[in-house]
């Protein structure tokens, strides 16, 4: 593995993690924000939702811009806006102001989700792309491990507002790395061929590509399962299981360890068995584990160790699903990688936002609604995968 390969993985992973860092570090603060700003739990949860909505939608803008202007310029705009909004959130005096600045944070953070994936596609395809994507996921996954722990420490000394000053500093570090360590991977000739008309044509092409959409939604349902957990776990683990914020951070981090550790096997497994086969087996195991968790919890076995162990196993398999679906979806769209990455991100996070809203409607403070939401997302991903496999087998048989 070359030094430049590892360097790009670290930088792209850190840029991708800035937005999620603002979520994961923020989670232990949710109950205290509600108390400090005199807001109900469901209203405090809206500050998560109003981050995710622009985080999803504005990826559609950053993708074509990265094809037209190059990869670095949209990153400067997005991360700069994120930093300014973080300062505003730190100074919010009521929940409405906080939600408004979280919305702006989402707009800025969207750039970090789109452009790094496009840069990976600029540089590599196939197993090499999967290897770089899994390394990027390794750095990206440090956020769910360190961010809640860091958030708990910051909250203990500086309160929840300190969280937003910390993510402002993280955005500043991202801008420094972007300007000094990251080279432009979109050539001037490639940029000259991109414009508003070509972007619209690219979106029409992608929306008509069944393979791209299927892989996007399979990955999106996997992401949805994790974000349902993310939105509900502070209240389940802290209020229901009576964990302290620090204990919650540790429990949350364990799942991230499982996710990123298994994701590092993506390149080796893909080279040995093929990315499509790895994806299918991982989704089957992921859905089976999460369905088993929902059944066990519904039968009354709701002890915290049961929840923790099965989530650890299930999210390990998810660590293989996310990078493989992303690489396979972008494989045939190198010329419009930014636009394809944008549409993928938007569709996935809109799917996740819908899942979060539905889970919130049924949330009653117990773990079962959260677990049911996670299991439904996982099983839906499996059913979509199986339907795709069946169609391909029919098409292959007809071709023969």
Foldseek 3Di string as FASTA:
>chain_A
DDPLLLLLLQLLLLLLQLLVLLQLLLQLQLVVLCVQQVHDSVLSLLLVLLLLQLLQVLLLVLLLCCQQVFLQPLLCVLLVQLLVLLLQLLPDNHSVSNSVSSNSNSNSSSSSQQRSLLLLLLVDAALSSLLSLLSSLLNSLVSLQVSLLVSVVQCVPPNSSSSSVVSSVSSVVSVVCSVPPDDTSRDPVLNVVGDPVVLVVVVVVQVPDPLLVLLLLLLLLLVLLVVLCSSCVSLQCCVVVVDRSNVSSNLSSLLSCLLSVLLNCQSVCCVVPNLLVLQLVLLVQLLVLLVVLLVCVVVPPQDPVSVSVSSSRNSNSSSSSNSSSSSSSCNVPSSSSSSSSSNSSNVSSVSSSVLNVVLVVPDDSHCNSSSVSSSVSSVVSNVSSVVVVVVVVVVVVVVD
